[in-house]
Amino acid sequence: MRTLRLAFLAILAVALIAVAFGNRDFVTLRLLPSELDRVTGLSWSLELPLFIVVFFSIIAGLMIGFLWEWIRESTLRSQAAKHKSEAHALKREVSKLKTEPTEPKDDVLALLENAK
């Protein structure tokens, strides 16, 4: 299994390096389109190699997806914690009931037990 994992990582590394070498051209990233730059006065731009933009986009997409799922599953996690605490309380109650003496606390039940 370790060999398979290392082989997969090696193939992935070769593929990423090939993509990086194939997309070394610089691209300009702008905060806003040129028409809005003139209107708002914000002309922020940055020149980066295309492969960096692609890799950063993939990583940003993964992080947004992980965050979205974490937020979506928060109700499931809270319910699981609630059920876990309830189960723990029930286990304590069962173990407590197992250790208590089984003498009837009611006089009528005690008479019936003695009558047997």
PDB file of N, CA and C in Angstrom:
ATOM      1  N   MET A   1       0.819  -1.191   0.000  1.00  0.00           N
ATOM      2  CA  MET A   1       0.000   0.000   0.000  1.00  0.00           C
ATOM      3  C   MET A   1       0.873   1.270   0.000  1.00  0.00           C
ATOM      4  N   ARG A   2       1.977   1.188   0.753  1.00  0.00           N
ATOM      5  CA  ARG A   2       2.869   2.341   0.800  1.00  0.00           C
ATOM      6  C   ARG A   2       3.481   2.614  -0.572  1.00  0.00           C
ATOM      7  N   THR A   3       3.834   1.558  -1.284  1.00  0.00           N
ATOM      8  CA  THR A   3       4.410   1.698  -2.616  1.00  0.00           C
ATOM      9  C   THR A   3       3.403   2.309  -3.571  1.00  0.00           C
ATOM     10  N   LEU A   4       2.168   1.874  -3.468  1.00  0.00           N
ATOM     11  CA  LEU A   4       1.114   2.422  -4.315  1.00  0.00           C
ATOM     12  C   LEU A   4       0.914   3.910  -4.046  1.00  0.00           C
ATOM     13  N   ARG A   5       0.934   4.290  -2.771  1.00  0.00           N
ATOM     14  CA  ARG A   5       0.780   5.706  -2.411  1.00  0.00           C
ATOM     15  C   ARG A   5       1.944   6.532  -2.951  1.00  0.00           C
ATOM     16  N   LEU A   6       3.159   6.025  -2.806  1.00  0.00           N
ATOM     17  CA  LEU A   6       4.326   6.745  -3.312  1.00  0.00           C
ATOM     18  C   LEU A   6       4.288   6.857  -4.833  1.00  0.00           C
ATOM     19  N   ALA A   7       3.850   5.812  -5.508  1.00  0.00           N
ATOM     20  CA  ALA A   7       3.734   5.852  -6.971  1.00  0.00           C
ATOM     21  C   ALA A   7       2.704   6.893  -7.390  1.00  0.00           C
ATOM     22  N   PHE A   8       1.573   6.935  -6.685  1.00  0.00           N
ATOM     23  CA  PHE A   8       0.539   7.932  -7.007  1.00  0.00           C
ATOM     24  C   PHE A   8       1.074   9.345  -6.802  1.00  0.00           C
ATOM     25  N   LEU A   9       1.772   9.572  -5.691  1.00  0.00           N
ATOM     26  CA  LEU A   9       2.324  10.908  -5.425  1.00  0.00           C
ATOM     27  C   LEU A   9       3.384  11.284  -6.460  1.00  0.00           C
ATOM     28  N   ALA A  10       4.174  10.325  -6.916  1.00  0.00           N
ATOM     29  CA  ALA A  10       5.180  10.602  -7.940  1.00  0.00           C
ATOM     30  C   ALA A  10       4.514  10.979  -9.265  1.00  0.00           C
ATOM     31  N   ILE A  11       3.479  10.247  -9.648  1.00  0.00           N
ATOM     32  CA  ILE A  11       2.752  10.570 -10.886  1.00  0.00           C
ATOM     33  C   ILE A  11       2.099  11.941 -10.778  1.00  0.00           C
ATOM     34  N   LEU A  12       1.509  12.227  -9.603  1.00  0.00           N
ATOM     35  CA  LEU A  12       0.881  13.537  -9.387  1.00  0.00           C
ATOM     36  C   LEU A  12       1.911  14.661  -9.458  1.00  0.00           C
ATOM     37  N   ALA A  13       3.089  14.438  -8.872  1.00  0.00           N
ATOM     38  CA  ALA A  13       4.145  15.454  -8.915  1.00  0.00           C
ATOM     39  C   ALA A  13       4.605  15.704 -10.346  1.00  0.00           C
ATOM     40  N   VAL A  14       4.780  14.642 -11.124  1.00  0.00           N
ATOM     41  CA  VAL A  14       5.196  14.793 -12.525  1.00  0.00           C
ATOM     42  C   VAL A  14       4.125  15.557 -13.307  1.00  0.00           C
ATOM     43  N   ALA A  15       2.850  15.238 -13.072  1.00  0.00           N
ATOM     44  CA  ALA A  15       1.770  15.924 -13.785  1.00  0.00           C
ATOM     45  C   ALA A  15       1.724  17.405 -13.407  1.00  0.00           C
ATOM     46  N   LEU A  16       1.891  17.719 -12.124  1.00  0.00           N
ATOM     47  CA  LEU A  16       1.869  19.125 -11.701  1.00  0.00           C
ATOM     48  C   LEU A  16       3.065  19.895 -12.247  1.00  0.00           C
ATOM     49  N   ILE A  17       4.216  19.261 -12.279  1.00  0.00           N
ATOM     50  CA  ILE A  17       5.401  19.918 -12.842  1.00  0.00           C
ATOM     51  C   ILE A  17       5.206  20.153 -14.338  1.00  0.00           C
ATOM     52  N   ALA A  18       4.614  19.185 -15.030  1.00  0.00           N
ATOM     53  CA  ALA A  18       4.350  19.360 -16.469  1.00  0.00           C
ATOM     54  C   ALA A  18       3.383  20.508 -16.710  1.00  0.00           C
ATOM     55  N   VAL A  19       2.346  20.611 -15.888  1.00  0.00           N
ATOM     56  CA  VAL A  19       1.389  21.727 -16.022  1.00  0.00           C
ATOM     57  C   VAL A  19       2.091  23.049 -15.736  1.00  0.00           C
ATOM     58  N   ALA A  20       2.947  23.074 -14.731  1.00  0.00           N
ATOM     59  CA  ALA A  20       3.662  24.303 -14.394  1.00  0.00           C
ATOM     60  C   ALA A  20       4.583  24.743 -15.532  1.00  0.00           C
ATOM     61  N   PHE A  21       5.310  23.792 -16.111  1.00  0.00           N
ATOM     62  CA  PHE A  21       6.203  24.156 -17.231  1.00  0.00           C
ATOM     63  C   PHE A  21       5.417  24.553 -18.477  1.00  0.00           C
ATOM     64  N   GLY A  22       4.260  23.985 -18.662  1.00  0.00           N
ATOM     65  CA  GLY A  22       3.458  24.317 -19.837  1.00  0.00           C
ATOM     66  C   GLY A  22       2.722  25.646 -19.719  1.00  0.00           C
ATOM     67  N   ASN A  23       2.600  26.185 -18.494  1.00  0.00           N
ATOM     68  CA  ASN A  23       1.837  27.422 -18.278  1.00  0.00           C
ATOM     69  C   ASN A  23       2.671  28.451 -17.512  1.00  0.00           C
ATOM     70  N   ARG A  24       3.863  28.730 -18.040  1.00  0.00           N
ATOM     71  CA  ARG A  24       4.740  29.701 -17.383  1.00  0.00           C
ATOM     72  C   ARG A  24       4.480  31.127 -17.818  1.00  0.00           C
ATOM     73  N   ASP A  25       3.617  31.337 -18.791  1.00  0.00           N
ATOM     74  CA  ASP A  25       3.346  32.693 -19.262  1.00  0.00           C
ATOM     75  C   ASP A  25       2.700  33.512 -18.153  1.00  0.00           C
ATOM     76  N   PHE A  26       3.020  34.795 -18.134  1.00  0.00           N
ATOM     77  CA  PHE A  26       2.461  35.683 -17.123  1.00  0.00           C
ATOM     78  C   PHE A  26       1.080  36.167 -17.553  1.00  0.00           C
ATOM     79  N   VAL A  27       0.177  36.231 -16.573  1.00  0.00           N
ATOM     80  CA  VAL A  27      -1.159  36.768 -16.800  1.00  0.00           C
ATOM     81  C   VAL A  27      -1.388  37.887 -15.796  1.00  0.00           C
ATOM     82  N   THR A  28      -2.259  38.810 -16.168  1.00  0.00           N
ATOM     83  CA  THR A  28      -2.573  39.929 -15.285  1.00  0.00           C
ATOM     84  C   THR A  28      -3.900  39.663 -14.594  1.00  0.00           C
ATOM     85  N   LEU A  29      -3.860  39.684 -13.280  1.00  0.00           N
ATOM     86  CA  LEU A  29      -5.085  39.569 -12.489  1.00  0.00           C
ATOM     87  C   LEU A  29      -5.498  40.967 -12.061  1.00  0.00           C
ATOM     88  N   ARG A  30      -6.750  41.307 -12.306  1.00  0.00           N
ATOM     89  CA  ARG A  30      -7.268  42.620 -11.935  1.00  0.00           C
ATOM     90  C   ARG A  30      -8.368  42.464 -10.900  1.00  0.00           C
ATOM     91  N   LEU A  31      -8.466  43.433  -9.996  1.00  0.00           N
ATOM     92  CA  LEU A  31      -9.517  43.426  -8.990  1.00  0.00           C
ATOM     93  C   LEU A  31     -10.874  43.682  -9.638  1.00  0.00           C
ATOM     94  N   LEU A  32     -10.926  44.619 -10.551  1.00  0.00           N
ATOM     95  CA  LEU A  32     -12.156  44.979 -11.262  1.00  0.00           C
ATOM     96  C   LEU A  32     -11.880  45.060 -12.758  1.00  0.00           C
ATOM     97  N   PRO A  33     -12.907  44.941 -13.585  1.00  0.00           N
ATOM     98  CA  PRO A  33     -12.690  45.151 -15.025  1.00  0.00           C
ATOM     99  C   PRO A  33     -12.188  46.571 -15.302  1.00  0.00           C
ATOM    100  N   SER A  34     -11.521  46.750 -16.443  1.00  0.00           N
ATOM    101  CA  SER A  34     -10.917  48.056 -16.756  1.00  0.00           C
ATOM    102  C   SER A  34     -11.930  49.188 -16.762  1.00  0.00           C
ATOM    103  N   GLU A  35     -13.176  48.916 -17.217  1.00  0.00           N
ATOM    104  CA  GLU A  35     -14.192  49.964 -17.261  1.00  0.00           C
ATOM    105  C   GLU A  35     -14.552  50.439 -15.855  1.00  0.00           C
ATOM    106  N   LEU A  36     -14.616  49.504 -14.905  1.00  0.00           N
ATOM    107  CA  LEU A  36     -14.938  49.892 -13.527  1.00  0.00           C
ATOM    108  C   LEU A  36     -13.743  50.504 -12.817  1.00  0.00           C
ATOM    109  N   ASP A  37     -12.535  50.185 -13.280  1.00  0.00           N
ATOM    110  CA  ASP A  37     -11.337  50.808 -12.707  1.00  0.00           C
ATOM    111  C   ASP A  37     -11.395  52.318 -12.848  1.00  0.00           C
ATOM    112  N   ARG A  38     -11.796  52.771 -14.025  1.00  0.00           N
ATOM    113  CA  ARG A  38     -11.857  54.214 -14.276  1.00  0.00           C
ATOM    114  C   ARG A  38     -12.937  54.875 -13.438  1.00  0.00           C
ATOM    115  N   VAL A  39     -14.048  54.199 -13.245  1.00  0.00           N
ATOM    116  CA  VAL A  39     -15.168  54.782 -12.499  1.00  0.00           C
ATOM    117  C   VAL A  39     -14.856  54.830 -11.001  1.00  0.00           C
ATOM    118  N   THR A  40     -14.342  53.733 -10.456  1.00  0.00           N
ATOM    119  CA  THR A  40     -14.111  53.659  -9.013  1.00  0.00           C
ATOM    120  C   THR A  40     -12.746  54.187  -8.593  1.00  0.00           C
ATOM    121  N   GLY A  41     -11.811  54.199  -9.477  1.00  0.00           N
ATOM    122  CA  GLY A  41     -10.468  54.655  -9.137  1.00  0.00           C
ATOM    123  C   GLY A  41      -9.606  53.550  -8.544  1.00  0.00           C
ATOM    124  N   LEU A  42     -10.148  52.350  -8.450  1.00  0.00           N
ATOM    125  CA  LEU A  42      -9.381  51.214  -7.944  1.00  0.00           C
ATOM    126  C   LEU A  42      -8.773  50.471  -9.123  1.00  0.00           C
ATOM    127  N   SER A  43      -7.472  50.536  -9.238  1.00  0.00           N
ATOM    128  CA  SER A  43      -6.822  49.882 -10.371  1.00  0.00           C
ATOM    129  C   SER A  43      -5.802  48.871  -9.869  1.00  0.00           C
ATOM    130  N   TRP A  44      -6.212  48.003  -8.979  1.00  0.00           N
ATOM    131  CA  TRP A  44      -5.307  46.986  -8.443  1.00  0.00           C
ATOM    132  C   TRP A  44      -5.149  45.873  -9.458  1.00  0.00           C
ATOM    133  N   SER A  45      -3.913  45.532  -9.760  1.00  0.00           N
ATOM    134  CA  SER A  45      -3.644  44.413 -10.660  1.00  0.00           C
ATOM    135  C   SER A  45      -2.340  43.748 -10.226  1.00  0.00           C
ATOM    136  N   LEU A  46      -2.205  42.492 -10.663  1.00  0.00           N
ATOM    137  CA  LEU A  46      -1.042  41.710 -10.265  1.00  0.00           C
ATOM    138  C   LEU A  46      -0.692  40.783 -11.419  1.00  0.00           C
ATOM    139  N   GLU A  47       0.602  40.664 -11.720  1.00  0.00           N
ATOM    140  CA  GLU A  47       1.037  39.763 -12.783  1.00  0.00           C
ATOM    141  C   GLU A  47       1.693  38.544 -12.159  1.00  0.00           C
ATOM    142  N   LEU A  48       1.150  37.365 -12.521  1.00  0.00           N
ATOM    143  CA  LEU A  48       1.645  36.093 -12.002  1.00  0.00           C
ATOM    144  C   LEU A  48       1.722  35.073 -13.129  1.00  0.00           C
ATOM    145  N   PRO A  49       2.562  34.050 -12.971  1.00  0.00           N
ATOM    146  CA  PRO A  49       2.543  32.958 -13.944  1.00  0.00           C
ATOM    147  C   PRO A  49       1.195  32.230 -13.866  1.00  0.00           C
ATOM    148  N   LEU A  50       0.724  31.736 -14.992  1.00  0.00           N
ATOM    149  CA  LEU A  50      -0.590  31.109 -15.062  1.00  0.00           C
ATOM    150  C   LEU A  50      -0.698  29.887 -14.153  1.00  0.00           C
ATOM    151  N   PHE A  51       0.382  29.100 -14.047  1.00  0.00           N
ATOM    152  CA  PHE A  51       0.276  27.890 -13.226  1.00  0.00           C
ATOM    153  C   PHE A  51       0.053  28.227 -11.752  1.00  0.00           C
ATOM    154  N   ILE A  52       0.593  29.344 -11.268  1.00  0.00           N
ATOM    155  CA  ILE A  52       0.352  29.752  -9.886  1.00  0.00           C
ATOM    156  C   ILE A  52      -1.115  30.122  -9.694  1.00  0.00           C
ATOM    157  N   VAL A  53      -1.678  30.817 -10.671  1.00  0.00           N
ATOM    158  CA  VAL A  53      -3.093  31.178 -10.603  1.00  0.00           C
ATOM    159  C   VAL A  53      -3.959  29.926 -10.592  1.00  0.00           C
ATOM    160  N   VAL A  54      -3.626  28.953 -11.425  1.00  0.00           N
ATOM    161  CA  VAL A  54      -4.407  27.712 -11.494  1.00  0.00           C
ATOM    162  C   VAL A  54      -4.286  26.940 -10.190  1.00  0.00           C
ATOM    163  N   PHE A  55      -3.070  26.768  -9.686  1.00  0.00           N
ATOM    164  CA  PHE A  55      -2.884  26.010  -8.442  1.00  0.00           C
ATOM    165  C   PHE A  55      -3.556  26.710  -7.269  1.00  0.00           C
ATOM    166  N   PHE A  56      -3.431  28.028  -7.188  1.00  0.00           N
ATOM    167  CA  PHE A  56      -4.075  28.768  -6.099  1.00  0.00           C
ATOM    168  C   PHE A  56      -5.592  28.645  -6.195  1.00  0.00           C
ATOM    169  N   SER A  57      -6.118  28.673  -7.411  1.00  0.00           N
ATOM    170  CA  SER A  57      -7.565  28.527  -7.589  1.00  0.00           C
ATOM    171  C   SER A  57      -8.052  27.161  -7.125  1.00  0.00           C
ATOM    172  N   ILE A  58      -7.297  26.134  -7.431  1.00  0.00           N
ATOM    173  CA  ILE A  58      -7.668  24.785  -6.983  1.00  0.00           C
ATOM    174  C   ILE A  58      -7.645  24.705  -5.458  1.00  0.00           C
ATOM    175  N   ILE A  59      -6.593  25.225  -4.850  1.00  0.00           N
ATOM    176  CA  ILE A  59      -6.479  25.192  -3.385  1.00  0.00           C
ATOM    177  C   ILE A  59      -7.589  26.024  -2.741  1.00  0.00           C
ATOM    178  N   ALA A  60      -7.875  27.218  -3.297  1.00  0.00           N
ATOM    179  CA  ALA A  60      -8.936  28.051  -2.749  1.00  0.00           C
ATOM    180  C   ALA A  60     -10.291  27.357  -2.871  1.00  0.00           C
ATOM    181  N   GLY A  61     -10.541  26.695  -3.991  1.00  0.00           N
ATOM    182  CA  GLY A  61     -11.793  25.970  -4.165  1.00  0.00           C
ATOM    183  C   GLY A  61     -11.945  24.838  -3.173  1.00  0.00           C
ATOM    184  N   LEU A  62     -10.866  24.100  -2.929  1.00  0.00           N
ATOM    185  CA  LEU A  62     -10.902  23.032  -1.937  1.00  0.00           C
ATOM    186  C   LEU A  62     -11.180  23.578  -0.540  1.00  0.00           C
ATOM    187  N   MET A  63     -10.511  24.671  -0.184  1.00  0.00           N
ATOM    188  CA  MET A  63     -10.716  25.251   1.148  1.00  0.00           C
ATOM    189  C   MET A  63     -12.153  25.765   1.320  1.00  0.00           C
ATOM    190  N   ILE A  64     -12.686  26.390   0.298  1.00  0.00           N
ATOM    191  CA  ILE A  64     -14.081  26.859   0.371  1.00  0.00           C
ATOM    192  C   ILE A  64     -15.021  25.668   0.510  1.00  0.00           C
ATOM    193  N   GLY A  65     -14.764  24.598  -0.220  1.00  0.00           N
ATOM    194  CA  GLY A  65     -15.596  23.403  -0.116  1.00  0.00           C
ATOM    195  C   GLY A  65     -15.518  22.761   1.259  1.00  0.00           C
ATOM    196  N   PHE A  66     -14.297  22.670   1.817  1.00  0.00           N
ATOM    197  CA  PHE A  66     -14.142  22.103   3.155  1.00  0.00           C
ATOM    198  C   PHE A  66     -14.870  22.955   4.188  1.00  0.00           C
ATOM    199  N   LEU A  67     -14.747  24.271   4.093  1.00  0.00           N
ATOM    200  CA  LEU A  67     -15.426  25.173   5.025  1.00  0.00           C
ATOM    201  C   LEU A  67     -16.938  25.052   4.894  1.00  0.00           C
ATOM    202  N   TRP A  68     -17.426  24.979   3.667  1.00  0.00           N
ATOM    203  CA  TRP A  68     -18.863  24.850   3.420  1.00  0.00           C
ATOM    204  C   TRP A  68     -19.401  23.558   4.054  1.00  0.00           C
ATOM    205  N   GLU A  69     -18.701  22.459   3.870  1.00  0.00           N
ATOM    206  CA  GLU A  69     -19.130  21.184   4.449  1.00  0.00           C
ATOM    207  C   GLU A  69     -19.051  21.216   5.967  1.00  0.00           C
ATOM    208  N   TRP A  70     -18.030  21.844   6.519  1.00  0.00           N
ATOM    209  CA  TRP A  70     -17.896  21.934   7.968  1.00  0.00           C
ATOM    210  C   TRP A  70     -19.067  22.714   8.568  1.00  0.00           C
ATOM    211  N   ILE A  71     -19.452  23.815   7.904  1.00  0.00           N
ATOM    212  CA  ILE A  71     -20.595  24.605   8.369  1.00  0.00           C
ATOM    213  C   ILE A  71     -21.887  23.807   8.195  1.00  0.00           C
ATOM    214  N   ARG A  72     -22.029  23.112   7.069  1.00  0.00           N
ATOM    215  CA  ARG A  72     -23.245  22.345   6.801  1.00  0.00           C
ATOM    216  C   ARG A  72     -23.424  21.218   7.804  1.00  0.00           C
ATOM    217  N   GLU A  73     -22.348  20.605   8.232  1.00  0.00           N
ATOM    218  CA  GLU A  73     -22.417  19.471   9.140  1.00  0.00           C
ATOM    219  C   GLU A  73     -22.394  19.864  10.607  1.00  0.00           C
ATOM    220  N   SER A  74     -22.428  21.160  10.913  1.00  0.00           N
ATOM    221  CA  SER A  74     -22.381  21.582  12.316  1.00  0.00           C
ATOM    222  C   SER A  74     -23.589  21.079  13.096  1.00  0.00           C
ATOM    223  N   THR A  75     -24.766  21.033  12.467  1.00  0.00           N
ATOM    224  CA  THR A  75     -25.945  20.517  13.171  1.00  0.00           C
ATOM    225  C   THR A  75     -25.790  19.025  13.454  1.00  0.00           C
ATOM    226  N   LEU A  76     -25.192  18.285  12.526  1.00  0.00           N
ATOM    227  CA  LEU A  76     -24.959  16.865  12.753  1.00  0.00           C
ATOM    228  C   LEU A  76     -23.976  16.638  13.901  1.00  0.00           C
ATOM    229  N   ARG A  77     -22.938  17.466  13.970  1.00  0.00           N
ATOM    230  CA  ARG A  77     -21.970  17.335  15.055  1.00  0.00           C
ATOM    231  C   ARG A  77     -22.598  17.661  16.395  1.00  0.00           C
ATOM    232  N   SER A  78     -23.450  18.690  16.453  1.00  0.00           N
ATOM    233  CA  SER A  78     -24.083  19.040  17.721  1.00  0.00           C
ATOM    234  C   SER A  78     -25.061  17.959  18.158  1.00  0.00           C
ATOM    235  N   GLN A  79     -25.805  17.376  17.212  1.00  0.00           N
ATOM    236  CA  GLN A  79     -26.711  16.281  17.553  1.00  0.00           C
ATOM    237  C   GLN A  79     -25.929  15.064  18.036  1.00  0.00           C
ATOM    238  N   ALA A  80     -24.816  14.765  17.406  1.00  0.00           N
ATOM    239  CA  ALA A  80     -23.993  13.633  17.819  1.00  0.00           C
ATOM    240  C   ALA A  80     -23.460  13.841  19.236  1.00  0.00           C
ATOM    241  N   ALA A  81     -23.034  15.052  19.546  1.00  0.00           N
ATOM    242  CA  ALA A  81     -22.544  15.339  20.893  1.00  0.00           C
ATOM    243  C   ALA A  81     -23.666  15.190  21.921  1.00  0.00           C
ATOM    244  N   LYS A  82     -24.860  15.653  21.554  1.00  0.00           N
ATOM    245  CA  LYS A  82     -26.012  15.532  22.453  1.00  0.00           C
ATOM    246  C   LYS A  82     -26.347  14.064  22.699  1.00  0.00           C
ATOM    247  N   HIS A  83     -26.387  13.270  21.633  1.00  0.00           N
ATOM    248  CA  HIS A  83     -26.691  11.849  21.767  1.00  0.00           C
ATOM    249  C   HIS A  83     -25.609  11.120  22.570  1.00  0.00           C
ATOM    250  N   LYS A  84     -24.375  11.530  22.394  1.00  0.00           N
ATOM    251  CA  LYS A  84     -23.277  10.906  23.131  1.00  0.00           C
ATOM    252  C   LYS A  84     -23.413  11.176  24.622  1.00  0.00           C
ATOM    253  N   SER A  85     -23.745  12.422  24.980  1.00  0.00           N
ATOM    254  CA  SER A  85     -23.902  12.734  26.406  1.00  0.00           C
ATOM    255  C   SER A  85     -25.120  12.017  26.992  1.00  0.00           C
ATOM    256  N   GLU A  86     -26.198  11.901  26.213  1.00  0.00           N
ATOM    257  CA  GLU A  86     -27.376  11.167  26.683  1.00  0.00           C
ATOM    258  C   GLU A  86     -27.044   9.688  26.894  1.00  0.00           C
ATOM    259  N   ALA A  87     -26.310   9.103  25.972  1.00  0.00           N
ATOM    260  CA  ALA A  87     -25.931   7.696  26.094  1.00  0.00           C
ATOM    261  C   ALA A  87     -25.039   7.488  27.313  1.00  0.00           C
ATOM    262  N   HIS A  88     -24.127   8.411  27.557  1.00  0.00           N
ATOM    263  CA  HIS A  88     -23.256   8.308  28.720  1.00  0.00           C
ATOM    264  C   HIS A  88     -24.075   8.385  30.011  1.00  0.00           C
ATOM    265  N   ALA A  89     -25.043   9.308  30.053  1.00  0.00           N
ATOM    266  CA  ALA A  89     -25.897   9.436  31.238  1.00  0.00           C
ATOM    267  C   ALA A  89     -26.721   8.174  31.450  1.00  0.00           C
ATOM    268  N   LEU A  90     -27.225   7.595  30.378  1.00  0.00           N
ATOM    269  CA  LEU A  90     -28.008   6.365  30.499  1.00  0.00           C
ATOM    270  C   LEU A  90     -27.149   5.192  30.959  1.00  0.00           C
ATOM    271  N   LYS A  91     -25.919   5.114  30.486  1.00  0.00           N
ATOM    272  CA  LYS A  91     -25.016   4.053  30.932  1.00  0.00           C
ATOM    273  C   LYS A  91     -24.728   4.177  32.428  1.00  0.00           C
ATOM    274  N   ARG A  92     -24.517   5.422  32.878  1.00  0.00           N
ATOM    275  CA  ARG A  92     -24.290   5.626  34.317  1.00  0.00           C
ATOM    276  C   ARG A  92     -25.519   5.218  35.117  1.00  0.00           C
ATOM    277  N   GLU A  93     -26.700   5.562  34.621  1.00  0.00           N
ATOM    278  CA  GLU A  93     -27.933   5.210  35.330  1.00  0.00           C
ATOM    279  C   GLU A  93     -28.129   3.690  35.379  1.00  0.00           C
ATOM    280  N   VAL A  94     -27.854   3.001  34.297  1.00  0.00           N
ATOM    281  CA  VAL A  94     -27.991   1.549  34.265  1.00  0.00           C
ATOM    282  C   VAL A  94     -27.003   0.900  35.235  1.00  0.00           C
ATOM    283  N   SER A  95     -25.764   1.366  35.233  1.00  0.00           N
ATOM    284  CA  SER A  95     -24.778   0.773  36.155  1.00  0.00           C
ATOM    285  C   SER A  95     -25.147   1.072  37.601  1.00  0.00           C
ATOM    286  N   LYS A  96     -25.724   2.233  37.853  1.00  0.00           N
ATOM    287  CA  LYS A  96     -26.175   2.574  39.205  1.00  0.00           C
ATOM    288  C   LYS A  96     -27.335   1.663  39.618  1.00  0.00           C
ATOM    289  N   LEU A  97     -28.269   1.429  38.717  1.00  0.00           N
ATOM    290  CA  LEU A  97     -29.408   0.565  39.023  1.00  0.00           C
ATOM    291  C   LEU A  97     -28.975  -0.881  39.230  1.00  0.00           C
ATOM    292  N   LYS A  98     -27.945  -1.316  38.545  1.00  0.00           N
ATOM    293  CA  LYS A  98     -27.455  -2.685  38.712  1.00  0.00           C
ATOM    294  C   LYS A  98     -26.820  -2.888  40.073  1.00  0.00           C
ATOM    295  N   THR A  99     -26.203  -1.864  40.628  1.00  0.00           N
ATOM    296  CA  THR A  99     -25.522  -1.992  41.914  1.00  0.00           C
ATOM    297  C   THR A  99     -26.442  -1.759  43.101  1.00  0.00           C
ATOM    298  N   GLU A 100     -27.594  -1.116  42.906  1.00  0.00           N
ATOM    299  CA  GLU A 100     -28.526  -0.864  44.006  1.00  0.00           C
ATOM    300  C   GLU A 100     -29.192  -2.168  44.437  1.00  0.00           C
ATOM    301  N   PRO A 101     -29.506  -2.300  45.748  1.00  0.00           N
ATOM    302  CA  PRO A 101     -30.249  -3.482  46.185  1.00  0.00           C
ATOM    303  C   PRO A 101     -31.658  -3.470  45.600  1.00  0.00           C
ATOM    304  N   THR A 102     -32.199  -4.649  45.401  1.00  0.00           N
ATOM    305  CA  THR A 102     -33.507  -4.749  44.750  1.00  0.00           C
ATOM    306  C   THR A 102     -34.646  -4.888  45.757  1.00  0.00           C
ATOM    307  N   GLU A 103     -34.474  -4.364  46.935  1.00  0.00           N
ATOM    308  CA  GLU A 103     -35.539  -4.411  47.936  1.00  0.00           C
ATOM    309  C   GLU A 103     -36.680  -3.509  47.504  1.00  0.00           C
ATOM    310  N   PRO A 104     -37.899  -3.990  47.639  1.00  0.00           N
ATOM    311  CA  PRO A 104     -39.030  -3.137  47.298  1.00  0.00           C
ATOM    312  C   PRO A 104     -39.162  -1.996  48.299  1.00  0.00           C
ATOM    313  N   LYS A 105     -39.442  -0.841  47.829  1.00  0.00           N
ATOM    314  CA  LYS A 105     -39.558   0.333  48.679  1.00  0.00           C
ATOM    315  C   LYS A 105     -40.988   0.549  49.146  1.00  0.00           C
ATOM    316  N   ASP A 106     -41.893  -0.154  48.572  1.00  0.00           N
ATOM    317  CA  ASP A 106     -43.298  -0.010  48.940  1.00  0.00           C
ATOM    318  C   ASP A 106     -43.656  -1.128  49.919  1.00  0.00           C
ATOM    319  N   ASP A 107     -44.432  -0.809  50.959  1.00  0.00           N
ATOM    320  CA  ASP A 107     -44.795  -1.797  51.977  1.00  0.00           C
ATOM    321  C   ASP A 107     -45.634  -2.931  51.386  1.00  0.00           C
ATOM    322  N   VAL A 108     -46.540  -2.587  50.498  1.00  0.00           N
ATOM    323  CA  VAL A 108     -47.390  -3.606  49.897  1.00  0.00           C
ATOM    324  C   VAL A 108     -46.551  -4.572  49.078  1.00  0.00           C
ATOM    325  N   LEU A 109     -45.621  -4.050  48.318  1.00  0.00           N
ATOM    326  CA  LEU A 109     -44.753  -4.908  47.524  1.00  0.00           C
ATOM    327  C   LEU A 109     -43.857  -5.751  48.419  1.00  0.00           C
ATOM    328  N   ALA A 110     -43.423  -5.199  49.549  1.00  0.00           N
ATOM    329  CA  ALA A 110     -42.614  -5.969  50.474  1.00  0.00           C
ATOM    330  C   ALA A 110     -43.413  -7.134  51.048  1.00  0.00           C
ATOM    331  N   LEU A 111     -44.675  -6.905  51.390  1.00  0.00           N
ATOM    332  CA  LEU A 111     -45.534  -7.983  51.910  1.00  0.00           C
ATOM    333  C   LEU A 111     -45.734  -9.064  50.867  1.00  0.00           C
ATOM    334  N   LEU A 112     -45.943  -8.638  49.616  1.00  0.00           N
ATOM    335  CA  LEU A 112     -46.124  -9.611  48.549  1.00  0.00           C
ATOM    336  C   LEU A 112     -44.856 -10.432  48.324  1.00  0.00           C
ATOM    337  N   GLU A 113     -43.696  -9.795  48.423  1.00  0.00           N
ATOM    338  CA  GLU A 113     -42.422 -10.497  48.249  1.00  0.00           C
ATOM    339  C   GLU A 113     -42.246 -11.516  49.376  1.00  0.00           C
ATOM    340  N   ASN A 114     -42.597 -11.145  50.588  1.00  0.00           N
ATOM    341  CA  ASN A 114     -42.419 -12.046  51.740  1.00  0.00           C
ATOM    342  C   ASN A 114     -43.429 -13.193  51.683  1.00  0.00           C
ATOM    343  N   ALA A 115     -44.572 -12.962  51.042  1.00  0.00           N
ATOM    344  CA  ALA A 115     -45.597 -13.984  50.972  1.00  0.00           C
ATOM    345  C   ALA A 115     -45.170 -15.128  50.054  1.00  0.00           C
ATOM    346  N   LYS A 116     -44.287 -14.907  49.179  1.00  0.00           N
ATOM    347  CA  LYS A 116     -43.863 -15.938  48.220  1.00  0.00           C
ATOM    348  C   LYS A 116     -43.067 -16.935  48.888  1.00  0.00           C
TER     349      LYS A 116
END
